[in-house]
Amino acid sequence: GGLSRFSTKGLPAAQPERQSDLVVVLQGKGGTQWDDQYWQQVE
């Protein structure tokens, strides 16, 4: 199964409320073709 360092038996049951207008762009250290300027234009 998928292994996340955050998906553990110690996670709290309660989840924080979602922010309806928040979009998170997740870039790993392995490298992407994305840059900050592109996402500024998207916004």
ModelCIF file with pLDDT and N, C-alpha, C, O atoms, coordinates in Angstrom:
data_MODEL
#
_entry.id   MODEL 
#
_entity.id                         1 
_entity.type                       polymer 
_entity.pdbx_number_of_molecules   1 
#
_entity_poly.entity_id                      1 
_entity_poly.type                           'polypeptide(L)' 
_entity_poly.nstd_linkage                   no 
_entity_poly.nstd_monomer                   no 
_entity_poly.pdbx_seq_one_letter_code       GGLSRFSTKGLPAAQPERQSDLVVVLQGKGGTQWDDQYWQQVE 
_entity_poly.pdbx_seq_one_letter_code_can   GGLSRFSTKGLPAAQPERQSDLVVVLQGKGGTQWDDQYWQQVE 
_entity_poly.pdbx_strand_id                 A 
#
loop_
_entity_poly_seq.entity_id 
_entity_poly_seq.num 
_entity_poly_seq.mon_id 
_entity_poly_seq.hetero 
1 1  GLY n 
1 2  GLY n 
1 3  LEU n 
1 4  SER n 
1 5  ARG n 
1 6  PHE n 
1 7  SER n 
1 8  THR n 
1 9  LYS n 
1 10 GLY n 
1 11 LEU n 
1 12 PRO n 
1 13 ALA n 
1 14 ALA n 
1 15 GLN n 
1 16 PRO n 
1 17 GLU n 
1 18 ARG n 
1 19 GLN n 
1 20 SER n 
1 21 ASP n 
1 22 LEU n 
1 23 VAL n 
1 24 VAL n 
1 25 VAL n 
1 26 LEU n 
1 27 GLN n 
1 28 GLY n 
1 29 LYS n 
1 30 GLY n 
1 31 GLY n 
1 32 THR n 
1 33 GLN n 
1 34 TRP n 
1 35 ASP n 
1 36 ASP n 
1 37 GLN n 
1 38 TYR n 
1 39 TRP n 
1 40 GLN n 
1 41 GLN n 
1 42 VAL n 
1 43 GLU n 
#
_struct_asym.id          A 
_struct_asym.entity_id   1 
#
loop_
_ma_qa_metric.id 
_ma_qa_metric.mode 
_ma_qa_metric.name 
_ma_qa_metric.software_group_id 
_ma_qa_metric.type 
1 global pLDDT . pLDDT 
2 local  pLDDT . pLDDT 
#
_ma_qa_metric_global.metric_id      1 
_ma_qa_metric_global.metric_value   78.37 
_ma_qa_metric_global.model_id       1 
_ma_qa_metric_global.ordinal_id     1 
#
loop_
_ma_qa_metric_local.label_asym_id 
_ma_qa_metric_local.label_comp_id 
_ma_qa_metric_local.label_seq_id 
_ma_qa_metric_local.metric_id 
_ma_qa_metric_local.metric_value 
_ma_qa_metric_local.model_id 
_ma_qa_metric_local.ordinal_id 
A GLY 1  2 97.00 1 1  
A GLY 2  2 96.00 1 2  
A LEU 3  2 96.00 1 3  
A SER 4  2 94.00 1 4  
A ARG 5  2 88.00 1 5  
A PHE 6  2 88.00 1 6  
A SER 7  2 74.00 1 7  
A THR 8  2 59.00 1 8  
A LYS 9  2 57.00 1 9  
A GLY 10 2 49.00 1 10 
A LEU 11 2 51.00 1 11 
A PRO 12 2 49.00 1 12 
A ALA 13 2 53.00 1 13 
A ALA 14 2 52.00 1 14 
A GLN 15 2 68.00 1 15 
A PRO 16 2 75.00 1 16 
A GLU 17 2 85.00 1 17 
A ARG 18 2 89.00 1 18 
A GLN 19 2 92.00 1 19 
A SER 20 2 91.00 1 20 
A ASP 21 2 93.00 1 21 
A LEU 22 2 96.00 1 22 
A VAL 23 2 96.00 1 23 
A VAL 24 2 96.00 1 24 
A VAL 25 2 95.00 1 25 
A LEU 26 2 92.00 1 26 
A GLN 27 2 82.00 1 27 
A GLY 28 2 68.00 1 28 
A LYS 29 2 61.00 1 29 
A GLY 30 2 51.00 1 30 
A GLY 31 2 49.00 1 31 
A THR 32 2 57.00 1 32 
A GLN 33 2 60.00 1 33 
A TRP 34 2 80.00 1 34 
A ASP 35 2 80.00 1 35 
A ASP 36 2 80.00 1 36 
A GLN 37 2 85.00 1 37 
A TYR 38 2 89.00 1 38 
A TRP 39 2 90.00 1 39 
A GLN 40 2 89.00 1 40 
A GLN 41 2 92.00 1 41 
A VAL 42 2 94.00 1 42 
A GLU 43 2 92.00 1 43 
#
loop_
_atom_site.group_PDB 
_atom_site.id 
_atom_site.type_symbol 
_atom_site.label_atom_id 
_atom_site.label_alt_id 
_atom_site.label_comp_id 
_atom_site.label_asym_id 
_atom_site.label_entity_id 
_atom_site.label_seq_id 
_atom_site.pdbx_PDB_ins_code 
_atom_site.Cartn_x 
_atom_site.Cartn_y 
_atom_site.Cartn_z 
_atom_site.occupancy 
_atom_site.B_iso_or_equiv 
_atom_site.pdbx_formal_charge 
_atom_site.auth_seq_id 
_atom_site.auth_comp_id 
_atom_site.auth_asym_id 
_atom_site.auth_atom_id 
_atom_site.pdbx_PDB_model_num 
ATOM 1   N N  . GLY A 1 1  ? 0.826   -1.207 0.000   1.00 97.00 ? 1  GLY A N  1 
ATOM 2   C CA . GLY A 1 1  ? 0.000   0.000  0.000   1.00 97.00 ? 1  GLY A CA 1 
ATOM 3   C C  . GLY A 1 1  ? 0.855   1.249  0.000   1.00 97.00 ? 1  GLY A C  1 
ATOM 4   O O  . GLY A 1 1  ? 2.054   1.193  0.272   1.00 97.00 ? 1  GLY A O  1 
ATOM 5   N N  . GLY A 1 2  ? 0.234   2.374  -0.306  1.00 96.00 ? 2  GLY A N  1 
ATOM 6   C CA . GLY A 1 2  ? 0.943   3.646  -0.311  1.00 96.00 ? 2  GLY A CA 1 
ATOM 7   C C  . GLY A 1 2  ? 1.508   3.974  1.053   1.00 96.00 ? 2  GLY A C  1 
ATOM 8   O O  . GLY A 1 2  ? 0.834   3.815  2.071   1.00 96.00 ? 2  GLY A O  1 
ATOM 9   N N  . LEU A 1 3  ? 2.760   4.436  1.068   1.00 96.00 ? 3  LEU A N  1 
ATOM 10  C CA . LEU A 1 3  ? 3.449   4.704  2.333   1.00 96.00 ? 3  LEU A CA 1 
ATOM 11  C C  . LEU A 1 3  ? 3.704   6.202  2.465   1.00 96.00 ? 3  LEU A C  1 
ATOM 12  O O  . LEU A 1 3  ? 4.516   6.777  1.739   1.00 96.00 ? 3  LEU A O  1 
ATOM 13  N N  . SER A 1 4  ? 3.000   6.815  3.397   1.00 94.00 ? 4  SER A N  1 
ATOM 14  C CA . SER A 1 4  ? 3.209   8.228  3.700   1.00 94.00 ? 4  SER A CA 1 
ATOM 15  C C  . SER A 1 4  ? 3.733   8.380  5.116   1.00 94.00 ? 4  SER A C  1 
ATOM 16  O O  . SER A 1 4  ? 3.268   7.701  6.032   1.00 94.00 ? 4  SER A O  1 
ATOM 17  N N  . ARG A 1 5  ? 4.693   9.261  5.297   1.00 88.00 ? 5  ARG A N  1 
ATOM 18  C CA . ARG A 1 5  ? 5.194   9.510  6.658   1.00 88.00 ? 5  ARG A CA 1 
ATOM 19  C C  . ARG A 1 5  ? 4.118   10.133 7.530   1.00 88.00 ? 5  ARG A C  1 
ATOM 20  O O  . ARG A 1 5  ? 4.254   10.140 8.753   1.00 88.00 ? 5  ARG A O  1 
ATOM 21  N N  . PHE A 1 6  ? 3.046   10.658 6.934   1.00 88.00 ? 6  PHE A N  1 
ATOM 22  C CA . PHE A 1 6  ? 1.971   11.295 7.684   1.00 88.00 ? 6  PHE A CA 1 
ATOM 23  C C  . PHE A 1 6  ? 0.815   10.343 7.969   1.00 88.00 ? 6  PHE A C  1 
ATOM 24  O O  . PHE A 1 6  ? -0.036  10.638 8.809   1.00 88.00 ? 6  PHE A O  1 
ATOM 25  N N  . SER A 1 7  ? 0.777   9.210  7.282   1.00 74.00 ? 7  SER A N  1 
ATOM 26  C CA . SER A 1 7  ? -0.310  8.269  7.491   1.00 74.00 ? 7  SER A CA 1 
ATOM 27  C C  . SER A 1 7  ? 0.140   7.216  8.485   1.00 74.00 ? 7  SER A C  1 
ATOM 28  O O  . SER A 1 7  ? 0.595   6.135  8.111   1.00 74.00 ? 7  SER A O  1 
ATOM 29  N N  . THR A 1 8  ? 0.005   7.551  9.753   1.00 59.00 ? 8  THR A N  1 
ATOM 30  C CA . THR A 1 8  ? 0.459   6.655  10.804  1.00 59.00 ? 8  THR A CA 1 
ATOM 31  C C  . THR A 1 8  ? -0.653  6.473  11.821  1.00 59.00 ? 8  THR A C  1 
ATOM 32  O O  . THR A 1 8  ? -1.652  7.192  11.820  1.00 59.00 ? 8  THR A O  1 
ATOM 33  N N  . LYS A 1 9  ? -0.451  5.493  12.685  1.00 57.00 ? 9  LYS A N  1 
ATOM 34  C CA . LYS A 1 9  ? -1.458  5.235  13.719  1.00 57.00 ? 9  LYS A CA 1 
ATOM 35  C C  . LYS A 1 9  ? -1.552  6.387  14.712  1.00 57.00 ? 9  LYS A C  1 
ATOM 36  O O  . LYS A 1 9  ? -2.511  6.473  15.479  1.00 57.00 ? 9  LYS A O  1 
ATOM 37  N N  . GLY A 1 10 ? -0.546  7.281  14.697  1.00 49.00 ? 10 GLY A N  1 
ATOM 38  C CA . GLY A 1 10 ? -0.549  8.386  15.644  1.00 49.00 ? 10 GLY A CA 1 
ATOM 39  C C  . GLY A 1 10 ? -1.267  9.636  15.161  1.00 49.00 ? 10 GLY A C  1 
ATOM 40  O O  . GLY A 1 10 ? -1.333  10.627 15.888  1.00 49.00 ? 10 GLY A O  1 
ATOM 41  N N  . LEU A 1 11 ? -1.807  9.606  13.940  1.00 51.00 ? 11 LEU A N  1 
ATOM 42  C CA . LEU A 1 11 ? -2.500  10.798 13.446  1.00 51.00 ? 11 LEU A CA 1 
ATOM 43  C C  . LEU A 1 11 ? -3.754  11.071 14.254  1.00 51.00 ? 11 LEU A C  1 
ATOM 44  O O  . LEU A 1 11 ? -4.471  10.131 14.599  1.00 51.00 ? 11 LEU A O  1 
ATOM 45  N N  . PRO A 1 12 ? -4.049  12.348 14.572  1.00 49.00 ? 12 PRO A N  1 
ATOM 46  C CA . PRO A 1 12 ? -5.289  12.656 15.288  1.00 49.00 ? 12 PRO A CA 1 
ATOM 47  C C  . PRO A 1 12 ? -6.499  12.331 14.428  1.00 49.00 ? 12 PRO A C  1 
ATOM 48  O O  . PRO A 1 12 ? -6.452  12.446 13.204  1.00 49.00 ? 12 PRO A O  1 
ATOM 49  N N  . ALA A 1 13 ? -7.594  11.921 15.084  1.00 53.00 ? 13 ALA A N  1 
ATOM 50  C CA . ALA A 1 13 ? -8.814  11.566 14.355  1.00 53.00 ? 13 ALA A CA 1 
ATOM 51  C C  . ALA A 1 13 ? -9.460  12.800 13.728  1.00 53.00 ? 13 ALA A C  1 
ATOM 52  O O  . ALA A 1 13 ? -10.011 12.732 12.629  1.00 53.00 ? 13 ALA A O  1 
ATOM 53  N N  . ALA A 1 14 ? -9.387  13.919 14.433  1.00 52.00 ? 14 ALA A N  1 
ATOM 54  C CA . ALA A 1 14 ? -10.038 15.140 13.934  1.00 52.00 ? 14 ALA A CA 1 
ATOM 55  C C  . ALA A 1 14 ? -9.224  15.749 12.804  1.00 52.00 ? 14 ALA A C  1 
ATOM 56  O O  . ALA A 1 14 ? -8.004  15.870 12.913  1.00 52.00 ? 14 ALA A O  1 
ATOM 57  N N  . GLN A 1 15 ? -9.890  16.136 11.716  1.00 68.00 ? 15 GLN A N  1 
ATOM 58  C CA . GLN A 1 15 ? -9.243  16.778 10.586  1.00 68.00 ? 15 GLN A CA 1 
ATOM 59  C C  . GLN A 1 15 ? -9.541  18.277 10.615  1.00 68.00 ? 15 GLN A C  1 
ATOM 60  O O  . GLN A 1 15 ? -10.665 18.658 10.941  1.00 68.00 ? 15 GLN A O  1 
ATOM 61  N N  . PRO A 1 16 ? -8.578  19.139 10.287  1.00 75.00 ? 16 PRO A N  1 
ATOM 62  C CA . PRO A 1 16 ? -8.856  20.577 10.270  1.00 75.00 ? 16 PRO A CA 1 
ATOM 63  C C  . PRO A 1 16 ? -9.848  20.914 9.163   1.00 75.00 ? 16 PRO A C  1 
ATOM 64  O O  . PRO A 1 16 ? -9.966  20.199 8.168   1.00 75.00 ? 16 PRO A O  1 
ATOM 65  N N  . GLU A 1 17 ? -10.550 22.013 9.363   1.00 85.00 ? 17 GLU A N  1 
ATOM 66  C CA . GLU A 1 17 ? -11.549 22.432 8.366   1.00 85.00 ? 17 GLU A CA 1 
ATOM 67  C C  . GLU A 1 17 ? -10.847 22.869 7.088   1.00 85.00 ? 17 GLU A C  1 
ATOM 68  O O  . GLU A 1 17 ? -9.834  23.567 7.130   1.00 85.00 ? 17 GLU A O  1 
ATOM 69  N N  . ARG A 1 18 ? -11.391 22.452 5.962   1.00 89.00 ? 18 ARG A N  1 
ATOM 70  C CA . ARG A 1 18 ? -10.797 22.823 4.680   1.00 89.00 ? 18 ARG A CA 1 
ATOM 71  C C  . ARG A 1 18 ? -11.102 24.270 4.344   1.00 89.00 ? 18 ARG A C  1 
ATOM 72  O O  . ARG A 1 18 ? -12.179 24.791 4.635   1.00 89.00 ? 18 ARG A O  1 
ATOM 73  N N  . GLN A 1 19 ? -10.120 24.898 3.723   1.00 92.00 ? 19 GLN A N  1 
ATOM 74  C CA . GLN A 1 19 ? -10.261 26.283 3.271   1.00 92.00 ? 19 GLN A CA 1 
ATOM 75  C C  . GLN A 1 19 ? -10.728 26.239 1.822   1.00 92.00 ? 19 GLN A C  1 
ATOM 76  O O  . GLN A 1 19 ? -9.984  25.811 0.941   1.00 92.00 ? 19 GLN A O  1 
ATOM 77  N N  . SER A 1 20 ? -11.951 26.677 1.575   1.00 91.00 ? 20 SER A N  1 
ATOM 78  C CA . SER A 1 20 ? -12.616 26.424 0.298   1.00 91.00 ? 20 SER A CA 1 
ATOM 79  C C  . SER A 1 20 ? -11.943 27.079 -0.898  1.00 91.00 ? 20 SER A C  1 
ATOM 80  O O  . SER A 1 20 ? -12.200 26.689 -2.037  1.00 91.00 ? 20 SER A O  1 
ATOM 81  N N  . ASP A 1 21 ? -11.073 28.083 -0.660  1.00 93.00 ? 21 ASP A N  1 
ATOM 82  C CA . ASP A 1 21 ? -10.416 28.758 -1.790  1.00 93.00 ? 21 ASP A CA 1 
ATOM 83  C C  . ASP A 1 21 ? -8.922  28.439 -1.878  1.00 93.00 ? 21 ASP A C  1 
ATOM 84  O O  . ASP A 1 21 ? -8.203  29.063 -2.657  1.00 93.00 ? 21 ASP A O  1 
ATOM 85  N N  . LEU A 1 22 ? -8.448  27.465 -1.078  1.00 96.00 ? 22 LEU A N  1 
ATOM 86  C CA . LEU A 1 22 ? -7.008  27.194 -1.010  1.00 96.00 ? 22 LEU A CA 1 
ATOM 87  C C  . LEU A 1 22 ? -6.609  26.071 -1.967  1.00 96.00 ? 22 LEU A C  1 
ATOM 88  O O  . LEU A 1 22 ? -7.141  24.963 -1.897  1.00 96.00 ? 22 LEU A O  1 
ATOM 89  N N  . VAL A 1 23 ? -5.673  26.370 -2.855  1.00 96.00 ? 23 VAL A N  1 
ATOM 90  C CA . VAL A 1 23 ? -5.078  25.380 -3.749  1.00 96.00 ? 23 VAL A CA 1 
ATOM 91  C C  . VAL A 1 23 ? -3.596  25.275 -3.391  1.00 96.00 ? 23 VAL A C  1 
ATOM 92  O O  . VAL A 1 23 ? -2.886  26.281 -3.370  1.00 96.00 ? 23 VAL A O  1 
ATOM 93  N N  . VAL A 1 24 ? -3.139  24.073 -3.114  1.00 96.00 ? 24 VAL A N  1 
ATOM 94  C CA . VAL A 1 24 ? -1.736  23.841 -2.775  1.00 96.00 ? 24 VAL A CA 1 
ATOM 95  C C  . VAL A 1 24 ? -1.044  23.166 -3.951  1.00 96.00 ? 24 VAL A C  1 
ATOM 96  O O  . VAL A 1 24 ? -1.493  22.127 -4.436  1.00 96.00 ? 24 VAL A O  1 
ATOM 97  N N  . VAL A 1 25 ? 0.047   23.760 -4.401  1.00 95.00 ? 25 VAL A N  1 
ATOM 98  C CA . VAL A 1 25 ? 0.887   23.154 -5.437  1.00 95.00 ? 25 VAL A CA 1 
ATOM 99  C C  . VAL A 1 25 ? 2.050   22.472 -4.729  1.00 95.00 ? 25 VAL A C  1 
ATOM 100 O O  . VAL A 1 25 ? 2.856   23.127 -4.068  1.00 95.00 ? 25 VAL A O  1 
ATOM 101 N N  . LEU A 1 26 ? 2.131   21.154 -4.872  1.00 92.00 ? 26 LEU A N  1 
ATOM 102 C CA . LEU A 1 26 ? 3.122   20.365 -4.157  1.00 92.00 ? 26 LEU A CA 1 
ATOM 103 C C  . LEU A 1 26 ? 4.235   19.970 -5.116  1.00 92.00 ? 26 LEU A C  1 
ATOM 104 O O  . LEU A 1 26 ? 4.009   19.252 -6.090  1.00 92.00 ? 26 LEU A O  1 
ATOM 105 N N  . GLN A 1 27 ? 5.441   20.449 -4.825  1.00 82.00 ? 27 GLN A N  1 
ATOM 106 C CA . GLN A 1 27 ? 6.604   20.134 -5.657  1.00 82.00 ? 27 GLN A CA 1 
ATOM 107 C C  . GLN A 1 27 ? 7.608   19.343 -4.834  1.00 82.00 ? 27 GLN A C  1 
ATOM 108 O O  . GLN A 1 27 ? 8.068   19.808 -3.791  1.00 82.00 ? 27 GLN A O  1 
ATOM 109 N N  . GLY A 1 28 ? 7.946   18.154 -5.299  1.00 68.00 ? 28 GLY A N  1 
ATOM 110 C CA . GLY A 1 28 ? 8.912   17.334 -4.590  1.00 68.00 ? 28 GLY A CA 1 
ATOM 111 C C  . GLY A 1 28 ? 10.333  17.773 -4.868  1.00 68.00 ? 28 GLY A C  1 
ATOM 112 O O  . GLY A 1 28 ? 10.584  18.533 -5.803  1.00 68.00 ? 28 GLY A O  1 
ATOM 113 N N  . LYS A 1 29 ? 11.277  17.288 -4.046  1.00 61.00 ? 29 LYS A N  1 
ATOM 114 C CA . LYS A 1 29 ? 12.690  17.618 -4.236  1.00 61.00 ? 29 LYS A CA 1 
ATOM 115 C C  . LYS A 1 29 ? 13.290  16.902 -5.433  1.00 61.00 ? 29 LYS A C  1 
ATOM 116 O O  . LYS A 1 29 ? 14.391  17.232 -5.872  1.00 61.00 ? 29 LYS A O  1 
ATOM 117 N N  . GLY A 1 30 ? 12.564  15.914 -5.965  1.00 51.00 ? 30 GLY A N  1 
ATOM 118 C CA . GLY A 1 30 ? 13.086  15.185 -7.100  1.00 51.00 ? 30 GLY A CA 1 
ATOM 119 C C  . GLY A 1 30 ? 13.107  15.991 -8.374  1.00 51.00 ? 30 GLY A C  1 
ATOM 120 O O  . GLY A 1 30 ? 13.701  15.567 -9.366  1.00 51.00 ? 30 GLY A O  1 
ATOM 121 N N  . GLY A 1 31 ? 12.462  17.163 -8.368  1.00 49.00 ? 31 GLY A N  1 
ATOM 122 C CA . GLY A 1 31 ? 12.518  18.039 -9.538  1.00 49.00 ? 31 GLY A CA 1 
ATOM 123 C C  . GLY A 1 31 ? 11.241  18.014 -10.357 1.00 49.00 ? 31 GLY A C  1 
ATOM 124 O O  . GLY A 1 31 ? 10.644  16.955 -10.550 1.00 49.00 ? 31 GLY A O  1 
ATOM 125 N N  . THR A 1 32 ? 10.817  19.184 -10.844 1.00 57.00 ? 32 THR A N  1 
ATOM 126 C CA . THR A 1 32 ? 9.682   19.294 -11.742 1.00 57.00 ? 32 THR A CA 1 
ATOM 127 C C  . THR A 1 32 ? 10.036  20.290 -12.834 1.00 57.00 ? 32 THR A C  1 
ATOM 128 O O  . THR A 1 32 ? 11.074  20.949 -12.788 1.00 57.00 ? 32 THR A O  1 
ATOM 129 N N  . GLN A 1 33 ? 9.157   20.382 -13.807 1.00 60.00 ? 33 GLN A N  1 
ATOM 130 C CA . GLN A 1 33 ? 9.343   21.357 -14.873 1.00 60.00 ? 33 GLN A CA 1 
ATOM 131 C C  . GLN A 1 33 ? 8.606   22.657 -14.553 1.00 60.00 ? 33 GLN A C  1 
ATOM 132 O O  . GLN A 1 33 ? 8.466   23.512 -15.428 1.00 60.00 ? 33 GLN A O  1 
ATOM 133 N N  . TRP A 1 34 ? 8.139   22.820 -13.332 1.00 80.00 ? 34 TRP A N  1 
ATOM 134 C CA . TRP A 1 34 ? 7.315   23.954 -12.951 1.00 80.00 ? 34 TRP A CA 1 
ATOM 135 C C  . TRP A 1 34 ? 8.173   25.087 -12.404 1.00 80.00 ? 34 TRP A C  1 
ATOM 136 O O  . TRP A 1 34 ? 9.283   24.864 -11.919 1.00 80.00 ? 34 TRP A O  1 
ATOM 137 N N  . ASP A 1 35 ? 7.644   26.308 -12.487 1.00 80.00 ? 35 ASP A N  1 
ATOM 138 C CA . ASP A 1 35 ? 8.336   27.439 -11.871 1.00 80.00 ? 35 ASP A CA 1 
ATOM 139 C C  . ASP A 1 35 ? 7.301   28.362 -11.237 1.00 80.00 ? 35 ASP A C  1 
ATOM 140 O O  . ASP A 1 35 ? 6.109   28.297 -11.538 1.00 80.00 ? 35 ASP A O  1 
ATOM 141 N N  . ASP A 1 36 ? 7.799   29.232 -10.343 1.00 80.00 ? 36 ASP A N  1 
ATOM 142 C CA . ASP A 1 36 ? 6.915   30.119 -9.594  1.00 80.00 ? 36 ASP A CA 1 
ATOM 143 C C  . ASP A 1 36 ? 6.128   31.049 -10.507 1.00 80.00 ? 36 ASP A C  1 
ATOM 144 O O  . ASP A 1 36 ? 4.959   31.337 -10.253 1.00 80.00 ? 36 ASP A O  1 
ATOM 145 N N  . GLN A 1 37 ? 6.768   31.510 -11.560 1.00 85.00 ? 37 GLN A N  1 
ATOM 146 C CA . GLN A 1 37 ? 6.106   32.459 -12.456 1.00 85.00 ? 37 GLN A CA 1 
ATOM 147 C C  . GLN A 1 37 ? 4.845   31.859 -13.079 1.00 85.00 ? 37 GLN A C  1 
ATOM 148 O O  . GLN A 1 37 ? 3.835   32.545 -13.236 1.00 85.00 ? 37 GLN A O  1 
ATOM 149 N N  . TYR A 1 38 ? 4.913   30.579 -13.430 1.00 89.00 ? 38 TYR A N  1 
ATOM 150 C CA . TYR A 1 38 ? 3.748   29.930 -14.031 1.00 89.00 ? 38 TYR A CA 1 
ATOM 151 C C  . TYR A 1 38 ? 2.564   29.958 -13.064 1.00 89.00 ? 38 TYR A C  1 
ATOM 152 O O  . TYR A 1 38 ? 1.446   30.287 -13.460 1.00 89.00 ? 38 TYR A O  1 
ATOM 153 N N  . TRP A 1 39 ? 2.808   29.613 -11.793 1.00 90.00 ? 39 TRP A N  1 
ATOM 154 C CA . TRP A 1 39 ? 1.707   29.543 -10.833 1.00 90.00 ? 39 TRP A CA 1 
ATOM 155 C C  . TRP A 1 39 ? 1.196   30.927 -10.468 1.00 90.00 ? 39 TRP A C  1 
ATOM 156 O O  . TRP A 1 39 ? 0.026   31.079 -10.116 1.00 90.00 ? 39 TRP A O  1 
ATOM 157 N N  . GLN A 1 40 ? 2.047   31.929 -10.544 1.00 89.00 ? 40 GLN A N  1 
ATOM 158 C CA . GLN A 1 40 ? 1.576   33.305 -10.353 1.00 89.00 ? 40 GLN A CA 1 
ATOM 159 C C  . GLN A 1 40 ? 0.612   33.694 -11.464 1.00 89.00 ? 40 GLN A C  1 
ATOM 160 O O  . GLN A 1 40 ? -0.375  34.390 -11.224 1.00 89.00 ? 40 GLN A O  1 
ATOM 161 N N  . GLN A 1 41 ? 0.900   33.243 -12.682 1.00 92.00 ? 41 GLN A N  1 
ATOM 162 C CA . GLN A 1 41 ? -0.010  33.509 -13.796 1.00 92.00 ? 41 GLN A CA 1 
ATOM 163 C C  . GLN A 1 41 ? -1.314  32.741 -13.640 1.00 92.00 ? 41 GLN A C  1 
ATOM 164 O O  . GLN A 1 41 ? -2.386  33.256 -13.958 1.00 92.00 ? 41 GLN A O  1 
ATOM 165 N N  . VAL A 1 42 ? -1.221  31.499 -13.146 1.00 94.00 ? 42 VAL A N  1 
ATOM 166 C CA . VAL A 1 42 ? -2.434  30.719 -12.908 1.00 94.00 ? 42 VAL A CA 1 
ATOM 167 C C  . VAL A 1 42 ? -3.331  31.423 -11.896 1.00 94.00 ? 42 VAL A C  1 
ATOM 168 O O  . VAL A 1 42 ? -4.550  31.467 -12.064 1.00 94.00 ? 42 VAL A O  1 
ATOM 169 N N  . GLU A 1 43 ? -2.728  31.970 -10.850 1.00 92.00 ? 43 GLU A N  1 
ATOM 170 C CA . GLU A 1 43 ? -3.521  32.652 -9.824  1.00 92.00 ? 43 GLU A CA 1 
ATOM 171 C C  . GLU A 1 43 ? -4.240  33.875 -10.385 1.00 92.00 ? 43 GLU A C  1 
ATOM 172 O O  . GLU A 1 43 ? -4.952  34.563 -9.654  1.00 92.00 ? 43 GLU A O  1 
#
